[in-house]
């Protein structure tokens, strides 16, 4: 899939978030990258066999104080090649992009990986 179409899928996944979440997506950039950088891969902590499909970098809303401001935007990166490698066709890519976007946006709202697993959202 070309980058433009993949970026459109990511934008569509954000548009499909419930309105109450969209309204709170302030000071956050969502970008697409081909692959994670070595620094981004370090968040996996050396766990073998895991692939990084998306990454949230920032301060979750639940950890911000009243004095929080004048900071660079939080960043969600969606990694195109790992998602494509995991999926067999465009239908699965669409579903995986939606899942990964929801997952990373959940981190912005302070929901951990463990809690997402408990909720069955991972």
PDB file of N, CA and C in Angstrom:
ATOM      1  N   UNK A   1       0.855  -1.168   0.000  1.00  0.00           N
ATOM      2  CA  UNK A   1       0.000   0.000   0.000  1.00  0.00           C
ATOM      3  C   UNK A   1       0.905   1.236   0.000  1.00  0.00           C
ATOM      4  N   UNK A   2       0.541   2.231  -0.791  1.00  0.00           N
ATOM      5  CA  UNK A   2       1.388   3.423  -0.804  1.00  0.00           C
ATOM      6  C   UNK A   2       1.149   4.245   0.466  1.00  0.00           C
ATOM      7  N   UNK A   3       2.106   5.096   0.771  1.00  0.00           N
ATOM      8  CA  UNK A   3       2.093   5.871   2.011  1.00  0.00           C
ATOM      9  C   UNK A   3       0.862   6.760   2.106  1.00  0.00           C
ATOM     10  N   UNK A   4       0.469   7.370   1.012  1.00  0.00           N
ATOM     11  CA  UNK A   4      -0.688   8.269   1.013  1.00  0.00           C
ATOM     12  C   UNK A   4      -1.956   7.531   1.452  1.00  0.00           C
ATOM     13  N   UNK A   5      -2.178   6.342   0.913  1.00  0.00           N
ATOM     14  CA  UNK A   5      -3.363   5.562   1.302  1.00  0.00           C
ATOM     15  C   UNK A   5      -3.284   5.133   2.762  1.00  0.00           C
ATOM     16  N   UNK A   6      -2.099   4.752   3.208  1.00  0.00           N
ATOM     17  CA  UNK A   6      -1.929   4.338   4.594  1.00  0.00           C
ATOM     18  C   UNK A   6      -2.196   5.519   5.531  1.00  0.00           C
ATOM     19  N   UNK A   7      -1.682   6.692   5.195  1.00  0.00           N
ATOM     20  CA  UNK A   7      -1.930   7.889   6.007  1.00  0.00           C
ATOM     21  C   UNK A   7      -3.421   8.208   6.051  1.00  0.00           C
ATOM     22  N   UNK A   8      -4.116   8.003   4.938  1.00  0.00           N
ATOM     23  CA  UNK A   8      -5.555   8.229   4.892  1.00  0.00           C
ATOM     24  C   UNK A   8      -6.263   7.269   5.856  1.00  0.00           C
ATOM     25  N   UNK A   9      -5.805   6.003   5.915  1.00  0.00           N
ATOM     26  CA  UNK A   9      -6.401   5.034   6.853  1.00  0.00           C
ATOM     27  C   UNK A   9      -6.209   5.490   8.295  1.00  0.00           C
ATOM     28  N   UNK A  10      -5.038   6.015   8.604  1.00  0.00           N
ATOM     29  CA  UNK A  10      -4.772   6.502   9.962  1.00  0.00           C
ATOM     30  C   UNK A  10      -5.684   7.691  10.267  1.00  0.00           C
ATOM     31  N   UNK A  11      -5.808   8.628   9.336  1.00  0.00           N
ATOM     32  CA  UNK A  11      -6.692   9.785   9.546  1.00  0.00           C
ATOM     33  C   UNK A  11      -8.135   9.345   9.736  1.00  0.00           C
ATOM     34  N   UNK A  12      -8.549   8.362   8.959  1.00  0.00           N
ATOM     35  CA  UNK A  12      -9.921   7.833   9.068  1.00  0.00           C
ATOM     36  C   UNK A  12     -10.139   7.169  10.428  1.00  0.00           C
ATOM     37  N   UNK A  13      -9.125   6.451  10.917  1.00  0.00           N
ATOM     38  CA  UNK A  13      -9.230   5.805  12.226  1.00  0.00           C
ATOM     39  C   UNK A  13      -9.405   6.847  13.329  1.00  0.00           C
ATOM     40  N   UNK A  14      -8.734   7.980  13.199  1.00  0.00           N
ATOM     41  CA  UNK A  14      -8.890   9.057  14.181  1.00  0.00           C
ATOM     42  C   UNK A  14     -10.286   9.665  14.083  1.00  0.00           C
ATOM     43  N   UNK A  15     -10.755   9.866  12.865  1.00  0.00           N
ATOM     44  CA  UNK A  15     -12.112  10.391  12.657  1.00  0.00           C
ATOM     45  C   UNK A  15     -13.169   9.467  13.253  1.00  0.00           C
ATOM     46  N   UNK A  16     -12.890   8.171  13.289  1.00  0.00           N
ATOM     47  CA  UNK A  16     -13.855   7.188  13.786  1.00  0.00           C
ATOM     48  C   UNK A  16     -13.840   7.038  15.300  1.00  0.00           C
ATOM     49  N   UNK A  17     -12.931   7.739  15.977  1.00  0.00           N
ATOM     50  CA  UNK A  17     -12.928   7.705  17.432  1.00  0.00           C
ATOM     51  C   UNK A  17     -14.194   8.391  17.937  1.00  0.00           C
ATOM     52  N   UNK A  18     -14.711   7.951  19.087  1.00  0.00           N
ATOM     53  CA  UNK A  18     -15.880   8.643  19.649  1.00  0.00           C
ATOM     54  C   UNK A  18     -15.592  10.130  19.839  1.00  0.00           C
ATOM     55  N   UNK A  19     -16.606  10.940  19.664  1.00  0.00           N
ATOM     56  CA  UNK A  19     -16.455  12.393  19.710  1.00  0.00           C
ATOM     57  C   UNK A  19     -15.845  12.876  21.021  1.00  0.00           C
ATOM     58  N   UNK A  20     -16.212  12.248  22.137  1.00  0.00           N
ATOM     59  CA  UNK A  20     -15.680  12.699  23.426  1.00  0.00           C
ATOM     60  C   UNK A  20     -14.170  12.510  23.517  1.00  0.00           C
ATOM     61  N   UNK A  21     -13.618  11.577  22.752  1.00  0.00           N
ATOM     62  CA  UNK A  21     -12.162  11.403  22.702  1.00  0.00           C
ATOM     63  C   UNK A  21     -11.546  12.389  21.721  1.00  0.00           C
ATOM     64  N   UNK A  22     -12.178  12.562  20.567  1.00  0.00           N
ATOM     65  CA  UNK A  22     -11.659  13.507  19.579  1.00  0.00           C
ATOM     66  C   UNK A  22     -11.540  14.912  20.157  1.00  0.00           C
ATOM     67  N   UNK A  23     -12.511  15.297  20.983  1.00  0.00           N
ATOM     68  CA  UNK A  23     -12.509  16.631  21.559  1.00  0.00           C
ATOM     69  C   UNK A  23     -11.326  16.857  22.501  1.00  0.00           C
ATOM     70  N   UNK A  24     -10.742  15.791  23.028  1.00  0.00           N
ATOM     71  CA  UNK A  24      -9.643  15.915  23.995  1.00  0.00           C
ATOM     72  C   UNK A  24      -8.281  15.620  23.372  1.00  0.00           C
ATOM     73  N   UNK A  25      -8.224  15.530  22.068  1.00  0.00           N
ATOM     74  CA  UNK A  25      -6.956  15.297  21.370  1.00  0.00           C
ATOM     75  C   UNK A  25      -6.308  16.639  21.046  1.00  0.00           C
ATOM     76  N   UNK A  26      -5.825  17.289  22.101  1.00  0.00           N
ATOM     77  CA  UNK A  26      -5.168  18.572  21.943  1.00  0.00           C
ATOM     78  C   UNK A  26      -3.667  18.394  22.114  1.00  0.00           C
ATOM     79  N   UNK A  27      -2.913  19.147  21.350  1.00  0.00           N
ATOM     80  CA  UNK A  27      -1.454  19.130  21.445  1.00  0.00           C
ATOM     81  C   UNK A  27      -0.897  17.712  21.256  1.00  0.00           C
ATOM     82  N   UNK A  28      -1.391  17.053  20.223  1.00  0.00           N
ATOM     83  CA  UNK A  28      -0.913  15.709  19.898  1.00  0.00           C
ATOM     84  C   UNK A  28      -0.779  15.597  18.382  1.00  0.00           C
ATOM     85  N   UNK A  29       0.352  15.082  17.947  1.00  0.00           N
ATOM     86  CA  UNK A  29       0.582  14.827  16.526  1.00  0.00           C
ATOM     87  C   UNK A  29       0.490  13.331  16.287  1.00  0.00           C
ATOM     88  N   UNK A  30      -0.192  12.961  15.224  1.00  0.00           N
ATOM     89  CA  UNK A  30      -0.247  11.561  14.813  1.00  0.00           C
ATOM     90  C   UNK A  30       0.447  11.485  13.461  1.00  0.00           C
ATOM     91  N   UNK A  31       1.486  10.658  13.396  1.00  0.00           N
ATOM     92  CA  UNK A  31       2.287  10.558  12.181  1.00  0.00           C
ATOM     93  C   UNK A  31       2.437   9.097  11.771  1.00  0.00           C
ATOM     94  N   UNK A  32       2.801   8.910  10.522  1.00  0.00           N
ATOM     95  CA  UNK A  32       3.092   7.588   9.979  1.00  0.00           C
ATOM     96  C   UNK A  32       4.581   7.530   9.671  1.00  0.00           C
ATOM     97  N   UNK A  33       5.205   6.430  10.038  1.00  0.00           N
ATOM     98  CA  UNK A  33       6.605   6.179   9.696  1.00  0.00           C
ATOM     99  C   UNK A  33       6.696   4.779   9.100  1.00  0.00           C
ATOM    100  N   UNK A  34       7.686   4.573   8.239  1.00  0.00           N
ATOM    101  CA  UNK A  34       7.868   3.242   7.649  1.00  0.00           C
ATOM    102  C   UNK A  34       8.169   2.207   8.717  1.00  0.00           C
ATOM    103  N   UNK A  35       9.173   2.492   9.528  1.00  0.00           N
ATOM    104  CA  UNK A  35       9.676   1.561  10.548  1.00  0.00           C
ATOM    105  C   UNK A  35      10.038   2.334  11.808  1.00  0.00           C
ATOM    106  N   UNK A  36      10.034   1.668  12.962  1.00  0.00           N
ATOM    107  CA  UNK A  36      10.523   2.339  14.170  1.00  0.00           C
ATOM    108  C   UNK A  36      12.034   2.534  14.111  1.00  0.00           C
ATOM    109  N   UNK A  37      12.493   3.609  14.723  1.00  0.00           N
ATOM    110  CA  UNK A  37      13.925   3.862  14.840  1.00  0.00           C
ATOM    111  C   UNK A  37      14.491   2.963  15.948  1.00  0.00           C
ATOM    112  N   UNK A  38      15.813   2.812  16.003  1.00  0.00           N
ATOM    113  CA  UNK A  38      16.404   2.047  17.118  1.00  0.00           C
ATOM    114  C   UNK A  38      15.988   2.589  18.487  1.00  0.00           C
ATOM    115  N   UNK A  39      15.936   3.906  18.616  1.00  0.00           N
ATOM    116  CA  UNK A  39      15.520   4.504  19.897  1.00  0.00           C
ATOM    117  C   UNK A  39      14.072   4.136  20.223  1.00  0.00           C
ATOM    118  N   UNK A  40      13.210   4.151  19.229  1.00  0.00           N
ATOM    119  CA  UNK A  40      11.814   3.781  19.460  1.00  0.00           C
ATOM    120  C   UNK A  40      11.680   2.300  19.805  1.00  0.00           C
ATOM    121  N   UNK A  41      12.516   1.470  19.204  1.00  0.00           N
ATOM    122  CA  UNK A  41      12.471   0.032  19.503  1.00  0.00           C
ATOM    123  C   UNK A  41      12.892  -0.272  20.941  1.00  0.00           C
ATOM    124  N   UNK A  42      13.680   0.608  21.528  1.00  0.00           N
ATOM    125  CA  UNK A  42      14.130   0.379  22.900  1.00  0.00           C
ATOM    126  C   UNK A  42      12.974   0.333  23.899  1.00  0.00           C
ATOM    127  N   UNK A  43      11.836   0.908  23.545  1.00  0.00           N
ATOM    128  CA  UNK A  43      10.698   0.860  24.474  1.00  0.00           C
ATOM    129  C   UNK A  43      10.224  -0.570  24.693  1.00  0.00           C
ATOM    130  N   UNK A  44      10.568  -1.464  23.766  1.00  0.00           N
ATOM    131  CA  UNK A  44      10.211  -2.875  23.938  1.00  0.00           C
ATOM    132  C   UNK A  44      11.058  -3.538  25.016  1.00  0.00           C
ATOM    133  N   UNK A  45      12.132  -2.892  25.416  1.00  0.00           N
ATOM    134  CA  UNK A  45      12.970  -3.410  26.481  1.00  0.00           C
ATOM    135  C   UNK A  45      13.656  -4.715  26.147  1.00  0.00           C
ATOM    136  N   UNK A  46      13.990  -4.921  24.892  1.00  0.00           N
ATOM    137  CA  UNK A  46      14.715  -6.129  24.507  1.00  0.00           C
ATOM    138  C   UNK A  46      13.863  -7.379  24.430  1.00  0.00           C
ATOM    139  N   UNK A  47      12.546  -7.231  24.488  1.00  0.00           N
ATOM    140  CA  UNK A  47      11.668  -8.407  24.394  1.00  0.00           C
ATOM    141  C   UNK A  47      11.697  -8.937  22.971  1.00  0.00           C
ATOM    142  N   UNK A  48      12.173 -10.148  22.840  1.00  0.00           N
ATOM    143  CA  UNK A  48      12.286 -10.772  21.525  1.00  0.00           C
ATOM    144  C   UNK A  48      10.915 -11.192  21.013  1.00  0.00           C
ATOM    145  N   UNK A  49      10.794 -11.179  19.710  1.00  0.00           N
ATOM    146  CA  UNK A  49       9.578 -11.657  19.076  1.00  0.00           C
ATOM    147  C   UNK A  49       8.441 -10.657  19.059  1.00  0.00           C
ATOM    148  N   UNK A  50       8.658  -9.488  19.610  1.00  0.00           N
ATOM    149  CA  UNK A  50       7.615  -8.472  19.590  1.00  0.00           C
ATOM    150  C   UNK A  50       7.910  -7.464  18.491  1.00  0.00           C
ATOM    151  N   UNK A  51       6.858  -6.969  17.904  1.00  0.00           N
ATOM    152  CA  UNK A  51       6.964  -5.987  16.836  1.00  0.00           C
ATOM    153  C   UNK A  51       6.283  -4.714  17.288  1.00  0.00           C
ATOM    154  N   UNK A  52       6.887  -3.601  17.031  1.00  0.00           N
ATOM    155  CA  UNK A  52       6.304  -2.313  17.393  1.00  0.00           C
ATOM    156  C   UNK A  52       5.452  -1.819  16.226  1.00  0.00           C
ATOM    157  N   UNK A  53       4.147  -1.754  16.446  1.00  0.00           N
ATOM    158  CA  UNK A  53       3.211  -1.315  15.407  1.00  0.00           C
ATOM    159  C   UNK A  53       2.853   0.158  15.548  1.00  0.00           C
ATOM    160  N   UNK A  54       2.938   0.647  16.773  1.00  0.00           N
ATOM    161  CA  UNK A  54       2.631   2.042  17.055  1.00  0.00           C
ATOM    162  C   UNK A  54       3.311   2.434  18.347  1.00  0.00           C
ATOM    163  N   UNK A  55       3.441   3.733  18.566  1.00  0.00           N
ATOM    164  CA  UNK A  55       4.118   4.207  19.762  1.00  0.00           C
ATOM    165  C   UNK A  55       3.552   5.556  20.177  1.00  0.00           C
ATOM    166  N   UNK A  56       3.225   5.662  21.479  1.00  0.00           N
ATOM    167  CA  UNK A  56       2.824   6.936  22.067  1.00  0.00           C
ATOM    168  C   UNK A  56       4.016   7.503  22.822  1.00  0.00           C
ATOM    169  N   UNK A  57       4.369   8.738  22.520  1.00  0.00           N
ATOM    170  CA  UNK A  57       5.450   9.423  23.216  1.00  0.00           C
ATOM    171  C   UNK A  57       4.899  10.741  23.752  1.00  0.00           C
ATOM    172  N   UNK A  58       4.831  10.844  25.059  1.00  0.00           N
ATOM    173  CA  UNK A  58       4.321  12.065  25.654  1.00  0.00           C
ATOM    174  C   UNK A  58       3.949  11.870  27.104  1.00  0.00           C
ATOM    175  N   UNK A  59       3.209  12.819  27.625  1.00  0.00           N
ATOM    176  CA  UNK A  59       2.732  12.779  29.002  1.00  0.00           C
ATOM    177  C   UNK A  59       1.228  12.531  28.955  1.00  0.00           C
ATOM    178  N   UNK A  60       0.784  11.368  29.453  1.00  0.00           N
ATOM    179  CA  UNK A  60      -0.656  11.080  29.426  1.00  0.00           C
ATOM    180  C   UNK A  60      -1.466  12.149  30.158  1.00  0.00           C
ATOM    181  N   UNK A  61      -2.691  12.344  29.730  1.00  0.00           N
ATOM    182  CA  UNK A  61      -3.547  13.356  30.340  1.00  0.00           C
ATOM    183  C   UNK A  61      -3.689  13.144  31.846  1.00  0.00           C
ATOM    184  N   UNK A  62      -3.669  11.901  32.295  1.00  0.00           N
ATOM    185  CA  UNK A  62      -3.834  11.597  33.717  1.00  0.00           C
ATOM    186  C   UNK A  62      -2.626  11.994  34.551  1.00  0.00           C
ATOM    187  N   UNK A  63      -1.506  12.308  33.920  1.00  0.00           N
ATOM    188  CA  UNK A  63      -0.285  12.678  34.653  1.00  0.00           C
ATOM    189  C   UNK A  63       0.054  14.168  34.537  1.00  0.00           C
ATOM    190  N   UNK A  64      -0.810  14.908  33.919  1.00  0.00           N
ATOM    191  CA  UNK A  64      -0.549  16.337  33.732  1.00  0.00           C
ATOM    192  C   UNK A  64      -1.083  17.123  34.918  1.00  0.00           C
ATOM    193  N   UNK A  65      -0.301  18.101  35.346  1.00  0.00           N
ATOM    194  CA  UNK A  65      -0.722  18.963  36.448  1.00  0.00           C
ATOM    195  C   UNK A  65      -1.289  20.261  35.877  1.00  0.00           C
ATOM    196  N   UNK A  66      -1.756  21.103  36.760  1.00  0.00           N
ATOM    197  CA  UNK A  66      -2.314  22.386  36.327  1.00  0.00           C
ATOM    198  C   UNK A  66      -1.276  23.250  35.628  1.00  0.00           C
ATOM    199  N   UNK A  67      -0.014  23.105  35.982  1.00  0.00           N
ATOM    200  CA  UNK A  67       1.039  23.897  35.380  1.00  0.00           C
ATOM    201  C   UNK A  67       1.544  23.362  34.050  1.00  0.00           C
ATOM    202  N   UNK A  68       0.948  22.281  33.569  1.00  0.00           N
ATOM    203  CA  UNK A  68       1.402  21.672  32.321  1.00  0.00           C
ATOM    204  C   UNK A  68       1.026  22.592  31.159  1.00  0.00           C
ATOM    205  N   UNK A  69       1.994  22.995  30.389  1.00  0.00           N
ATOM    206  CA  UNK A  69       1.716  23.841  29.234  1.00  0.00           C
ATOM    207  C   UNK A  69       2.998  24.258  28.550  1.00  0.00           C
ATOM    208  N   UNK A  70       2.853  24.855  27.400  1.00  0.00           N
ATOM    209  CA  UNK A  70       3.978  25.333  26.612  1.00  0.00           C
ATOM    210  C   UNK A  70       5.010  24.234  26.383  1.00  0.00           C
ATOM    211  N   UNK A  71       4.528  23.059  26.018  1.00  0.00           N
ATOM    212  CA  UNK A  71       5.390  21.905  25.756  1.00  0.00           C
ATOM    213  C   UNK A  71       5.187  21.450  24.312  1.00  0.00           C
ATOM    214  N   UNK A  72       6.147  20.697  23.827  1.00  0.00           N
ATOM    215  CA  UNK A  72       5.994  20.147  22.483  1.00  0.00           C
ATOM    216  C   UNK A  72       4.828  19.161  22.492  1.00  0.00           C
ATOM    217  N   UNK A  73       4.198  18.963  21.350  1.00  0.00           N
ATOM    218  CA  UNK A  73       3.061  18.049  21.299  1.00  0.00           C
ATOM    219  C   UNK A  73       3.461  16.616  21.633  1.00  0.00           C
ATOM    220  N   UNK A  74       2.525  15.896  22.228  1.00  0.00           N
ATOM    221  CA  UNK A  74       2.679  14.455  22.342  1.00  0.00           C
ATOM    222  C   UNK A  74       2.684  13.901  20.920  1.00  0.00           C
ATOM    223  N   UNK A  75       3.200  12.699  20.772  1.00  0.00           N
ATOM    224  CA  UNK A  75       3.328  12.133  19.435  1.00  0.00           C
ATOM    225  C   UNK A  75       2.871  10.674  19.436  1.00  0.00           C
ATOM    226  N   UNK A  76       2.035  10.356  18.471  1.00  0.00           N
ATOM    227  CA  UNK A  76       1.664   8.966  18.194  1.00  0.00           C
ATOM    228  C   UNK A  76       2.227   8.647  16.818  1.00  0.00           C
ATOM    229  N   UNK A  77       3.025   7.599  16.761  1.00  0.00           N
ATOM    230  CA  UNK A  77       3.576   7.154  15.480  1.00  0.00           C
ATOM    231  C   UNK A  77       2.980   5.798  15.155  1.00  0.00           C
ATOM    232  N   UNK A  78       2.477   5.663  13.947  1.00  0.00           N
ATOM    233  CA  UNK A  78       1.944   4.395  13.444  1.00  0.00           C
ATOM    234  C   UNK A  78       2.936   3.899  12.400  1.00  0.00           C
ATOM    235  N   UNK A  79       3.404   2.654  12.575  1.00  0.00           N
ATOM    236  CA  UNK A  79       4.461   2.115  11.718  1.00  0.00           C
ATOM    237  C   UNK A  79       3.865   1.258  10.605  1.00  0.00           C
ATOM    238  N   UNK A  80       4.015   1.738   9.383  1.00  0.00           N
ATOM    239  CA  UNK A  80       3.370   1.129   8.230  1.00  0.00           C
ATOM    240  C   UNK A  80       3.888  -0.272   7.909  1.00  0.00           C
ATOM    241  N   UNK A  81       5.182  -0.430   7.753  1.00  0.00           N
ATOM    242  CA  UNK A  81       5.713  -1.727   7.308  1.00  0.00           C
ATOM    243  C   UNK A  81       5.429  -2.869   8.283  1.00  0.00           C
ATOM    244  N   UNK A  82       5.612  -2.680   9.586  1.00  0.00           N
ATOM    245  CA  UNK A  82       5.273  -3.779  10.502  1.00  0.00           C
ATOM    246  C   UNK A  82       3.791  -4.161  10.451  1.00  0.00           C
ATOM    247  N   UNK A  83       2.920  -3.171  10.284  1.00  0.00           N
ATOM    248  CA  UNK A  83       1.483  -3.479  10.173  1.00  0.00           C
ATOM    249  C   UNK A  83       1.220  -4.253   8.898  1.00  0.00           C
ATOM    250  N   UNK A  84       1.798  -3.800   7.793  1.00  0.00           N
ATOM    251  CA  UNK A  84       1.593  -4.506   6.525  1.00  0.00           C
ATOM    252  C   UNK A  84       2.152  -5.926   6.585  1.00  0.00           C
ATOM    253  N   UNK A  85       3.284  -6.105   7.248  1.00  0.00           N
ATOM    254  CA  UNK A  85       3.893  -7.433   7.357  1.00  0.00           C
ATOM    255  C   UNK A  85       3.017  -8.381   8.166  1.00  0.00           C
ATOM    256  N   UNK A  86       2.290  -7.852   9.118  1.00  0.00           N
ATOM    257  CA  UNK A  86       1.431  -8.674   9.976  1.00  0.00           C
ATOM    258  C   UNK A  86       0.118  -9.065   9.280  1.00  0.00           C
ATOM    259  N   UNK A  87      -0.294  -8.272   8.304  1.00  0.00           N
ATOM    260  CA  UNK A  87      -1.614  -8.451   7.685  1.00  0.00           C
ATOM    261  C   UNK A  87      -1.503  -9.059   6.296  1.00  0.00           C
ATOM    262  N   UNK A  88      -2.475  -9.893   5.975  1.00  0.00           N
ATOM    263  CA  UNK A  88      -2.447 -10.609   4.697  1.00  0.00           C
ATOM    264  C   UNK A  88      -3.120  -9.850   3.547  1.00  0.00           C
ATOM    265  N   UNK A  89      -3.987  -8.895   3.867  1.00  0.00           N
ATOM    266  CA  UNK A  89      -4.695  -8.176   2.812  1.00  0.00           C
ATOM    267  C   UNK A  89      -5.121  -6.792   3.317  1.00  0.00           C
ATOM    268  N   UNK A  90      -5.674  -5.999   2.412  1.00  0.00           N
ATOM    269  CA  UNK A  90      -6.050  -4.628   2.760  1.00  0.00           C
ATOM    270  C   UNK A  90      -7.116  -4.578   3.850  1.00  0.00           C
ATOM    271  N   UNK A  91      -8.031  -5.511   3.843  1.00  0.00           N
ATOM    272  CA  UNK A  91      -9.083  -5.533   4.871  1.00  0.00           C
ATOM    273  C   UNK A  91      -8.473  -5.680   6.251  1.00  0.00           C
ATOM    274  N   UNK A  92      -7.483  -6.540   6.376  1.00  0.00           N
ATOM    275  CA  UNK A  92      -6.817  -6.734   7.672  1.00  0.00           C
ATOM    276  C   UNK A  92      -5.955  -5.531   8.042  1.00  0.00           C
ATOM    277  N   UNK A  93      -5.351  -4.899   7.037  1.00  0.00           N
ATOM    278  CA  UNK A  93      -4.566  -3.686   7.300  1.00  0.00           C
ATOM    279  C   UNK A  93      -5.483  -2.606   7.876  1.00  0.00           C
ATOM    280  N   UNK A  94      -6.642  -2.426   7.282  1.00  0.00           N
ATOM    281  CA  UNK A  94      -7.596  -1.421   7.767  1.00  0.00           C
ATOM    282  C   UNK A  94      -7.956  -1.687   9.223  1.00  0.00           C
ATOM    283  N   UNK A  95      -8.287  -2.927   9.538  1.00  0.00           N
ATOM    284  CA  UNK A  95      -8.669  -3.283  10.905  1.00  0.00           C
ATOM    285  C   UNK A  95      -7.505  -3.084  11.874  1.00  0.00           C
ATOM    286  N   UNK A  96      -6.308  -3.446  11.446  1.00  0.00           N
ATOM    287  CA  UNK A  96      -5.141  -3.323  12.325  1.00  0.00           C
ATOM    288  C   UNK A  96      -4.787  -1.853  12.559  1.00  0.00           C
ATOM    289  N   UNK A  97      -4.887  -1.029  11.536  1.00  0.00           N
ATOM    290  CA  UNK A  97      -4.629   0.405  11.702  1.00  0.00           C
ATOM    291  C   UNK A  97      -5.620   0.979  12.716  1.00  0.00           C
ATOM    292  N   UNK A  98      -6.876   0.631  12.598  1.00  0.00           N
ATOM    293  CA  UNK A  98      -7.878   1.125  13.544  1.00  0.00           C
ATOM    294  C   UNK A  98      -7.552   0.675  14.962  1.00  0.00           C
ATOM    295  N   UNK A  99      -7.156  -0.577  15.123  1.00  0.00           N
ATOM    296  CA  UNK A  99      -6.829  -1.110  16.446  1.00  0.00           C
ATOM    297  C   UNK A  99      -5.612  -0.396  17.036  1.00  0.00           C
ATOM    298  N   UNK A 100      -4.564  -0.246  16.223  1.00  0.00           N
ATOM    299  CA  UNK A 100      -3.328   0.374  16.708  1.00  0.00           C
ATOM    300  C   UNK A 100      -3.561   1.847  17.052  1.00  0.00           C
ATOM    301  N   UNK A 101      -4.302   2.557  16.241  1.00  0.00           N
ATOM    302  CA  UNK A 101      -4.605   3.961  16.542  1.00  0.00           C
ATOM    303  C   UNK A 101      -5.362   4.056  17.864  1.00  0.00           C
ATOM    304  N   UNK A 102      -6.401   3.241  18.053  1.00  0.00           N
ATOM    305  CA  UNK A 102      -7.153   3.255  19.319  1.00  0.00           C
ATOM    306  C   UNK A 102      -6.234   2.948  20.501  1.00  0.00           C
ATOM    307  N   UNK A 103      -5.352   1.960  20.321  1.00  0.00           N
ATOM    308  CA  UNK A 103      -4.435   1.546  21.376  1.00  0.00           C
ATOM    309  C   UNK A 103      -3.522   2.703  21.792  1.00  0.00           C
ATOM    310  N   UNK A 104      -2.901   3.358  20.821  1.00  0.00           N
ATOM    311  CA  UNK A 104      -1.961   4.439  21.132  1.00  0.00           C
ATOM    312  C   UNK A 104      -2.680   5.668  21.686  1.00  0.00           C
ATOM    313  N   UNK A 105      -3.852   5.967  21.187  1.00  0.00           N
ATOM    314  CA  UNK A 105      -4.638   7.082  21.724  1.00  0.00           C
ATOM    315  C   UNK A 105      -5.057   6.768  23.158  1.00  0.00           C
ATOM    316  N   UNK A 106      -5.330   5.510  23.462  1.00  0.00           N
ATOM    317  CA  UNK A 106      -5.660   5.115  24.842  1.00  0.00           C
ATOM    318  C   UNK A 106      -4.508   5.462  25.779  1.00  0.00           C
ATOM    319  N   UNK A 107      -3.274   5.291  25.332  1.00  0.00           N
ATOM    320  CA  UNK A 107      -2.118   5.674  26.154  1.00  0.00           C
ATOM    321  C   UNK A 107      -2.129   7.187  26.436  1.00  0.00           C
ATOM    322  N   UNK A 108      -2.529   7.974  25.455  1.00  0.00           N
ATOM    323  CA  UNK A 108      -2.638   9.426  25.642  1.00  0.00           C
ATOM    324  C   UNK A 108      -3.609   9.743  26.787  1.00  0.00           C
ATOM    325  N   UNK A 109      -4.627   8.909  26.933  1.00  0.00           N
ATOM    326  CA  UNK A 109      -5.617   9.100  27.989  1.00  0.00           C
ATOM    327  C   UNK A 109      -5.230   8.398  29.283  1.00  0.00           C
ATOM    328  N   UNK A 110      -4.017   7.834  29.328  1.00  0.00           N
ATOM    329  CA  UNK A 110      -3.509   7.254  30.562  1.00  0.00           C
ATOM    330  C   UNK A 110      -3.840   5.788  30.772  1.00  0.00           C
ATOM    331  N   UNK A 111      -4.289   5.102  29.753  1.00  0.00           N
ATOM    332  CA  UNK A 111      -4.629   3.685  29.877  1.00  0.00           C
ATOM    333  C   UNK A 111      -3.398   2.859  29.525  1.00  0.00           C
ATOM    334  N   UNK A 112      -2.975   2.002  30.437  1.00  0.00           N
ATOM    335  CA  UNK A 112      -1.757   1.206  30.265  1.00  0.00           C
ATOM    336  C   UNK A 112      -2.012  -0.012  29.370  1.00  0.00           C
ATOM    337  N   UNK A 113      -0.919  -0.626  28.927  1.00  0.00           N
ATOM    338  CA  UNK A 113      -1.032  -1.872  28.159  1.00  0.00           C
ATOM    339  C   UNK A 113      -1.728  -2.943  28.978  1.00  0.00           C
ATOM    340  N   UNK A 114      -1.385  -3.055  30.262  1.00  0.00           N
ATOM    341  CA  UNK A 114      -2.017  -4.060  31.118  1.00  0.00           C
ATOM    342  C   UNK A 114      -3.522  -3.847  31.199  1.00  0.00           C
ATOM    343  N   UNK A 115      -3.930  -2.602  31.372  1.00  0.00           N
ATOM    344  CA  UNK A 115      -5.368  -2.309  31.467  1.00  0.00           C
ATOM    345  C   UNK A 115      -6.064  -2.579  30.136  1.00  0.00           C
ATOM    346  N   UNK A 116      -5.418  -2.263  29.029  1.00  0.00           N
ATOM    347  CA  UNK A 116      -6.001  -2.545  27.713  1.00  0.00           C
ATOM    348  C   UNK A 116      -6.206  -4.050  27.530  1.00  0.00           C
ATOM    349  N   UNK A 117      -5.239  -4.848  28.012  1.00  0.00           N
ATOM    350  CA  UNK A 117      -5.392  -6.323  27.934  1.00  0.00           C
ATOM    351  C   UNK A 117      -6.574  -6.775  28.777  1.00  0.00           C
ATOM    352  N   UNK A 118      -6.714  -6.198  29.973  1.00  0.00           N
ATOM    353  CA  UNK A 118      -7.838  -6.541  30.840  1.00  0.00           C
ATOM    354  C   UNK A 118      -9.174  -6.219  30.190  1.00  0.00           C
ATOM    355  N   UNK A 119      -9.184  -5.113  29.481  1.00  0.00           N
ATOM    356  CA  UNK A 119     -10.416  -4.686  28.812  1.00  0.00           C
ATOM    357  C   UNK A 119     -10.664  -5.446  27.509  1.00  0.00           C
ATOM    358  N   UNK A 120      -9.673  -6.238  27.095  1.00  0.00           N
ATOM    359  CA  UNK A 120      -9.801  -6.960  25.829  1.00  0.00           C
ATOM    360  C   UNK A 120      -9.680  -6.065  24.633  1.00  0.00           C
ATOM    361  N   UNK A 121      -8.938  -4.967  24.784  1.00  0.00           N
ATOM    362  CA  UNK A 121      -8.793  -3.978  23.713  1.00  0.00           C
ATOM    363  C   UNK A 121      -7.429  -4.003  23.069  1.00  0.00           C
ATOM    364  N   UNK A 122      -6.694  -5.085  23.228  1.00  0.00           N
ATOM    365  CA  UNK A 122      -5.360  -5.114  22.652  1.00  0.00           C
ATOM    366  C   UNK A 122      -5.218  -6.222  21.657  1.00  0.00           C
TER     367      UNK A 122
END
